[in-house]
Amino acid sequence: MTKRHEERRADAYRKIKLGGLVIKAGLADLPSNVLLGLLIEGAERLRDPDAVEQFARRGDKEFKT
């Protein structure tokens, strides 16, 4: 397998995994502009270490269900 092929395969896997997270969060039916706005807002909130910890706890809880 060529390096380029491996990189493309890894990229595809990453995108599929991210899409799965969107679905698990119940966001798959949102218009793409709303979803992008939500992600940008969340990224801005990640500047606060307390928000990072809060998001991590919430995510851990959801993965366990």
PDB file of N, CA and C in Angstrom:
ATOM      1  N   MET A   1       0.848  -1.173   0.000  1.00  0.00           N
ATOM      2  CA  MET A   1       0.000   0.000   0.000  1.00  0.00           C
ATOM      3  C   MET A   1       0.898   1.244   0.000  1.00  0.00           C
ATOM      4  N   THR A   2       0.595   2.200  -0.848  1.00  0.00           N
ATOM      5  CA  THR A   2       1.416   3.400  -0.928  1.00  0.00           C
ATOM      6  C   THR A   2       1.124   4.334   0.239  1.00  0.00           C
ATOM      7  N   LYS A   3       2.071   5.216   0.503  1.00  0.00           N
ATOM      8  CA  LYS A   3       1.893   6.174   1.594  1.00  0.00           C
ATOM      9  C   LYS A   3       0.661   7.049   1.356  1.00  0.00           C
ATOM     10  N   ARG A   4       0.484   7.474   0.120  1.00  0.00           N
ATOM     11  CA  ARG A   4      -0.676   8.315  -0.225  1.00  0.00           C
ATOM     12  C   ARG A   4      -1.983   7.572   0.036  1.00  0.00           C
ATOM     13  N   HIS A   5      -2.018   6.307  -0.311  1.00  0.00           N
ATOM     14  CA  HIS A   5      -3.209   5.491  -0.082  1.00  0.00           C
ATOM     15  C   HIS A   5      -3.485   5.365   1.421  1.00  0.00           C
ATOM     16  N   GLU A   6      -2.456   5.152   2.198  1.00  0.00           N
ATOM     17  CA  GLU A   6      -2.615   5.042   3.651  1.00  0.00           C
ATOM     18  C   GLU A   6      -3.125   6.348   4.247  1.00  0.00           C
ATOM     19  N   GLU A   7      -2.597   7.474   3.752  1.00  0.00           N
ATOM     20  CA  GLU A   7      -3.047   8.779   4.240  1.00  0.00           C
ATOM     21  C   GLU A   7      -4.516   9.016   3.903  1.00  0.00           C
ATOM     22  N   ARG A   8      -4.914   8.656   2.695  1.00  0.00           N
ATOM     23  CA  ARG A   8      -6.323   8.826   2.294  1.00  0.00           C
ATOM     24  C   ARG A   8      -7.235   7.928   3.120  1.00  0.00           C
ATOM     25  N   ARG A   9      -6.770   6.718   3.395  1.00  0.00           N
ATOM     26  CA  ARG A   9      -7.559   5.789   4.200  1.00  0.00           C
ATOM     27  C   ARG A   9      -7.721   6.313   5.622  1.00  0.00           C
ATOM     28  N   ALA A  10      -6.639   6.838   6.202  1.00  0.00           N
ATOM     29  CA  ALA A  10      -6.697   7.406   7.549  1.00  0.00           C
ATOM     30  C   ALA A  10      -7.620   8.617   7.589  1.00  0.00           C
ATOM     31  N   ASP A  11      -7.563   9.441   6.540  1.00  0.00           N
ATOM     32  CA  ASP A  11      -8.427  10.611   6.466  1.00  0.00           C
ATOM     33  C   ASP A  11      -9.896  10.201   6.380  1.00  0.00           C
ATOM     34  N   ALA A  12     -10.198   9.202   5.572  1.00  0.00           N
ATOM     35  CA  ALA A  12     -11.574   8.722   5.445  1.00  0.00           C
ATOM     36  C   ALA A  12     -12.075   8.162   6.776  1.00  0.00           C
ATOM     37  N   TYR A  13     -11.230   7.406   7.459  1.00  0.00           N
ATOM     38  CA  TYR A  13     -11.614   6.843   8.760  1.00  0.00           C
ATOM     39  C   TYR A  13     -11.921   7.960   9.747  1.00  0.00           C
ATOM     40  N   ARG A  14     -11.078   8.994   9.759  1.00  0.00           N
ATOM     41  CA  ARG A  14     -11.280  10.126  10.673  1.00  0.00           C
ATOM     42  C   ARG A  14     -12.614  10.819  10.395  1.00  0.00           C
ATOM     43  N   LYS A  15     -12.929  11.024   9.130  1.00  0.00           N
ATOM     44  CA  LYS A  15     -14.186  11.685   8.763  1.00  0.00           C
ATOM     45  C   LYS A  15     -15.388  10.832   9.146  1.00  0.00           C
ATOM     46  N   ILE A  16     -15.293   9.545   8.950  1.00  0.00           N
ATOM     47  CA  ILE A  16     -16.387   8.651   9.334  1.00  0.00           C
ATOM     48  C   ILE A  16     -16.585   8.690  10.844  1.00  0.00           C
ATOM     49  N   LYS A  17     -15.494   8.679  11.584  1.00  0.00           N
ATOM     50  CA  LYS A  17     -15.564   8.726  13.048  1.00  0.00           C
ATOM     51  C   LYS A  17     -16.203  10.039  13.516  1.00  0.00           C
ATOM     52  N   LEU A  18     -15.806  11.153  12.915  1.00  0.00           N
ATOM     53  CA  LEU A  18     -16.391  12.445  13.276  1.00  0.00           C
ATOM     54  C   LEU A  18     -17.879  12.492  12.931  1.00  0.00           C
ATOM     55  N   GLY A  19     -18.242  11.929  11.793  1.00  0.00           N
ATOM     56  CA  GLY A  19     -19.654  11.864  11.423  1.00  0.00           C
ATOM     57  C   GLY A  19     -20.451  11.045  12.423  1.00  0.00           C
ATOM     58  N   GLY A  20     -19.855   9.975  12.914  1.00  0.00           N
ATOM     59  CA  GLY A  20     -20.515   9.164  13.928  1.00  0.00           C
ATOM     60  C   GLY A  20     -20.764   9.936  15.202  1.00  0.00           C
ATOM     61  N   LEU A  21     -19.830  10.809  15.555  1.00  0.00           N
ATOM     62  CA  LEU A  21     -20.016  11.637  16.750  1.00  0.00           C
ATOM     63  C   LEU A  21     -21.158  12.632  16.561  1.00  0.00           C
ATOM     64  N   VAL A  22     -21.257  13.188  15.360  1.00  0.00           N
ATOM     65  CA  VAL A  22     -22.354  14.108  15.058  1.00  0.00           C
ATOM     66  C   VAL A  22     -23.685  13.377  15.193  1.00  0.00           C
ATOM     67  N   ILE A  23     -23.756  12.174  14.688  1.00  0.00           N
ATOM     68  CA  ILE A  23     -24.980  11.378  14.781  1.00  0.00           C
ATOM     69  C   ILE A  23     -25.290  11.028  16.224  1.00  0.00           C
ATOM     70  N   LYS A  24     -24.273  10.580  16.978  1.00  0.00           N
ATOM     71  CA  LYS A  24     -24.481  10.199  18.381  1.00  0.00           C
ATOM     72  C   LYS A  24     -24.983  11.383  19.203  1.00  0.00           C
ATOM     73  N   ALA A  25     -24.526  12.585  18.863  1.00  0.00           N
ATOM     74  CA  ALA A  25     -24.955  13.784  19.581  1.00  0.00           C
ATOM     75  C   ALA A  25     -26.346  14.242  19.170  1.00  0.00           C
ATOM     76  N   GLY A  26     -26.940  13.590  18.165  1.00  0.00           N
ATOM     77  CA  GLY A  26     -28.282  13.959  17.719  1.00  0.00           C
ATOM     78  C   GLY A  26     -28.306  15.207  16.857  1.00  0.00           C
ATOM     79  N   LEU A  27     -27.189  15.489  16.191  1.00  0.00           N
ATOM     80  CA  LEU A  27     -27.082  16.723  15.407  1.00  0.00           C
ATOM     81  C   LEU A  27     -27.137  16.504  13.902  1.00  0.00           C
ATOM     82  N   ALA A  28     -27.319  15.291  13.468  1.00  0.00           N
ATOM     83  CA  ALA A  28     -27.225  14.972  12.046  1.00  0.00           C
ATOM     84  C   ALA A  28     -28.289  15.658  11.191  1.00  0.00           C
ATOM     85  N   ASP A  29     -29.407  16.015  11.767  1.00  0.00           N
ATOM     86  CA  ASP A  29     -30.483  16.615  10.983  1.00  0.00           C
ATOM     87  C   ASP A  29     -30.432  18.140  10.947  1.00  0.00           C
ATOM     88  N   LEU A  30     -29.437  18.722  11.599  1.00  0.00           N
ATOM     89  CA  LEU A  30     -29.308  20.180  11.569  1.00  0.00           C
ATOM     90  C   LEU A  30     -28.800  20.636  10.214  1.00  0.00           C
ATOM     91  N   PRO A  31     -29.223  21.813   9.781  1.00  0.00           N
ATOM     92  CA  PRO A  31     -28.626  22.369   8.563  1.00  0.00           C
ATOM     93  C   PRO A  31     -27.113  22.557   8.782  1.00  0.00           C
ATOM     94  N   SER A  32     -26.340  22.421   7.731  1.00  0.00           N
ATOM     95  CA  SER A  32     -24.887  22.468   7.882  1.00  0.00           C
ATOM     96  C   SER A  32     -24.395  23.795   8.445  1.00  0.00           C
ATOM     97  N   ASN A  33     -25.052  24.912   8.116  1.00  0.00           N
ATOM     98  CA  ASN A  33     -24.601  26.190   8.655  1.00  0.00           C
ATOM     99  C   ASN A  33     -24.838  26.278  10.164  1.00  0.00           C
ATOM    100  N   VAL A  34     -25.914  25.686  10.647  1.00  0.00           N
ATOM    101  CA  VAL A  34     -26.188  25.663  12.084  1.00  0.00           C
ATOM    102  C   VAL A  34     -25.163  24.776  12.783  1.00  0.00           C
ATOM    103  N   LEU A  35     -24.893  23.619  12.232  1.00  0.00           N
ATOM    104  CA  LEU A  35     -23.917  22.708  12.815  1.00  0.00           C
ATOM    105  C   LEU A  35     -22.540  23.358  12.869  1.00  0.00           C
ATOM    106  N   LEU A  36     -22.129  24.009  11.796  1.00  0.00           N
ATOM    107  CA  LEU A  36     -20.828  24.676  11.787  1.00  0.00           C
ATOM    108  C   LEU A  36     -20.785  25.791  12.822  1.00  0.00           C
ATOM    109  N   GLY A  37     -21.838  26.570  12.933  1.00  0.00           N
ATOM    110  CA  GLY A  37     -21.891  27.625  13.945  1.00  0.00           C
ATOM    111  C   GLY A  37     -21.786  27.063  15.351  1.00  0.00           C
ATOM    112  N   LEU A  38     -22.457  25.962  15.591  1.00  0.00           N
ATOM    113  CA  LEU A  38     -22.399  25.299  16.892  1.00  0.00           C
ATOM    114  C   LEU A  38     -20.981  24.827  17.204  1.00  0.00           C
ATOM    115  N   LEU A  39     -20.322  24.246  16.226  1.00  0.00           N
ATOM    116  CA  LEU A  39     -18.947  23.768  16.414  1.00  0.00           C
ATOM    117  C   LEU A  39     -17.979  24.923  16.649  1.00  0.00           C
ATOM    118  N   ILE A  40     -18.155  26.012  15.927  1.00  0.00           N
ATOM    119  CA  ILE A  40     -17.288  27.179  16.119  1.00  0.00           C
ATOM    120  C   ILE A  40     -17.496  27.766  17.517  1.00  0.00           C
ATOM    121  N   GLU A  41     -18.739  27.861  17.928  1.00  0.00           N
ATOM    122  CA  GLU A  41     -19.034  28.366  19.278  1.00  0.00           C
ATOM    123  C   GLU A  41     -18.382  27.472  20.332  1.00  0.00           C
ATOM    124  N   GLY A  42     -18.500  26.160  20.153  1.00  0.00           N
ATOM    125  CA  GLY A  42     -17.872  25.225  21.086  1.00  0.00           C
ATOM    126  C   GLY A  42     -16.364  25.368  21.090  1.00  0.00           C
ATOM    127  N   ALA A  43     -15.769  25.552  19.922  1.00  0.00           N
ATOM    128  CA  ALA A  43     -14.317  25.725  19.831  1.00  0.00           C
ATOM    129  C   ALA A  43     -13.877  26.981  20.585  1.00  0.00           C
ATOM    130  N   GLU A  44     -14.656  28.033  20.493  1.00  0.00           N
ATOM    131  CA  GLU A  44     -14.338  29.260  21.226  1.00  0.00           C
ATOM    132  C   GLU A  44     -14.441  29.041  22.733  1.00  0.00           C
ATOM    133  N   ARG A  45     -15.415  28.269  23.154  1.00  0.00           N
ATOM    134  CA  ARG A  45     -15.572  27.983  24.591  1.00  0.00           C
ATOM    135  C   ARG A  45     -14.432  27.136  25.131  1.00  0.00           C
ATOM    136  N   LEU A  46     -13.750  26.393  24.260  1.00  0.00           N
ATOM    137  CA  LEU A  46     -12.645  25.546  24.695  1.00  0.00           C
ATOM    138  C   LEU A  46     -11.439  26.338  25.191  1.00  0.00           C
ATOM    139  N   ARG A  47     -11.449  27.635  25.017  1.00  0.00           N
ATOM    140  CA  ARG A  47     -10.378  28.472  25.564  1.00  0.00           C
ATOM    141  C   ARG A  47     -10.420  28.489  27.086  1.00  0.00           C
ATOM    142  N   ASP A  48     -11.568  28.175  27.642  1.00  0.00           N
ATOM    143  CA  ASP A  48     -11.756  28.131  29.100  1.00  0.00           C
ATOM    144  C   ASP A  48     -11.501  26.709  29.589  1.00  0.00           C
ATOM    145  N   PRO A  49     -10.466  26.501  30.420  1.00  0.00           N
ATOM    146  CA  PRO A  49     -10.165  25.144  30.895  1.00  0.00           C
ATOM    147  C   PRO A  49     -11.334  24.490  31.632  1.00  0.00           C
ATOM    148  N   ASP A  50     -12.152  25.289  32.317  1.00  0.00           N
ATOM    149  CA  ASP A  50     -13.316  24.727  33.007  1.00  0.00           C
ATOM    150  C   ASP A  50     -14.320  24.164  32.002  1.00  0.00           C
ATOM    151  N   ALA A  51     -14.467  24.836  30.863  1.00  0.00           N
ATOM    152  CA  ALA A  51     -15.378  24.354  29.827  1.00  0.00           C
ATOM    153  C   ALA A  51     -14.863  23.052  29.236  1.00  0.00           C
ATOM    154  N   VAL A  52     -13.547  22.952  29.056  1.00  0.00           N
ATOM    155  CA  VAL A  52     -12.957  21.714  28.535  1.00  0.00           C
ATOM    156  C   VAL A  52     -13.302  20.563  29.462  1.00  0.00           C
ATOM    157  N   GLU A  53     -13.126  20.773  30.746  1.00  0.00           N
ATOM    158  CA  GLU A  53     -13.421  19.721  31.729  1.00  0.00           C
ATOM    159  C   GLU A  53     -14.912  19.372  31.720  1.00  0.00           C
ATOM    160  N   GLN A  54     -15.754  20.368  31.617  1.00  0.00           N
ATOM    161  CA  GLN A  54     -17.201  20.141  31.570  1.00  0.00           C
ATOM    162  C   GLN A  54     -17.585  19.328  30.331  1.00  0.00           C
ATOM    163  N   PHE A  55     -17.033  19.710  29.174  1.00  0.00           N
ATOM    164  CA  PHE A  55     -17.307  18.964  27.946  1.00  0.00           C
ATOM    165  C   PHE A  55     -16.809  17.524  28.053  1.00  0.00           C
ATOM    166  N   ALA A  56     -15.627  17.347  28.642  1.00  0.00           N
ATOM    167  CA  ALA A  56     -15.048  15.999  28.777  1.00  0.00           C
ATOM    168  C   ALA A  56     -15.936  15.116  29.660  1.00  0.00           C
ATOM    169  N   ARG A  57     -16.398  15.655  30.766  1.00  0.00           N
ATOM    170  CA  ARG A  57     -17.283  14.868  31.651  1.00  0.00           C
ATOM    171  C   ARG A  57     -18.567  14.489  30.934  1.00  0.00           C
ATOM    172  N   ARG A  58     -19.133  15.435  30.213  1.00  0.00           N
ATOM    173  CA  ARG A  58     -20.381  15.164  29.491  1.00  0.00           C
ATOM    174  C   ARG A  58     -20.186  14.123  28.407  1.00  0.00           C
ATOM    175  N   GLY A  59     -19.068  14.220  27.688  1.00  0.00           N
ATOM    176  CA  GLY A  59     -18.770  13.240  26.649  1.00  0.00           C
ATOM    177  C   GLY A  59     -18.548  11.861  27.212  1.00  0.00           C
ATOM    178  N   ASP A  60     -17.805  11.781  28.326  1.00  0.00           N
ATOM    179  CA  ASP A  60     -17.570  10.476  28.975  1.00  0.00           C
ATOM    180  C   ASP A  60     -18.895   9.843  29.377  1.00  0.00           C
ATOM    181  N   LYS A  61     -19.784  10.665  29.918  1.00  0.00           N
ATOM    182  CA  LYS A  61     -21.095  10.157  30.339  1.00  0.00           C
ATOM    183  C   LYS A  61     -21.873   9.601  29.151  1.00  0.00           C
ATOM    184  N   GLU A  62     -21.852  10.299  28.032  1.00  0.00           N
ATOM    185  CA  GLU A  62     -22.585   9.865  26.849  1.00  0.00           C
ATOM    186  C   GLU A  62     -21.996   8.588  26.251  1.00  0.00           C
ATOM    187  N   PHE A  63     -20.677   8.453  26.267  1.00  0.00           N
ATOM    188  CA  PHE A  63     -20.056   7.232  25.735  1.00  0.00           C
ATOM    189  C   PHE A  63     -20.412   6.016  26.576  1.00  0.00           C
ATOM    190  N   LYS A  64     -20.692   6.209  27.845  1.00  0.00           N
ATOM    191  CA  LYS A  64     -21.018   5.086  28.728  1.00  0.00           C
ATOM    192  C   LYS A  64     -22.470   4.639  28.581  1.00  0.00           C
ATOM    193  N   THR A  65     -23.288   5.437  27.920  1.00  0.00           N
ATOM    194  CA  THR A  65     -24.704   5.051  27.758  1.00  0.00           C
ATOM    195  C   THR A  65     -24.930   4.362  26.444  1.00  0.00           C
TER     196      THR A  65
END
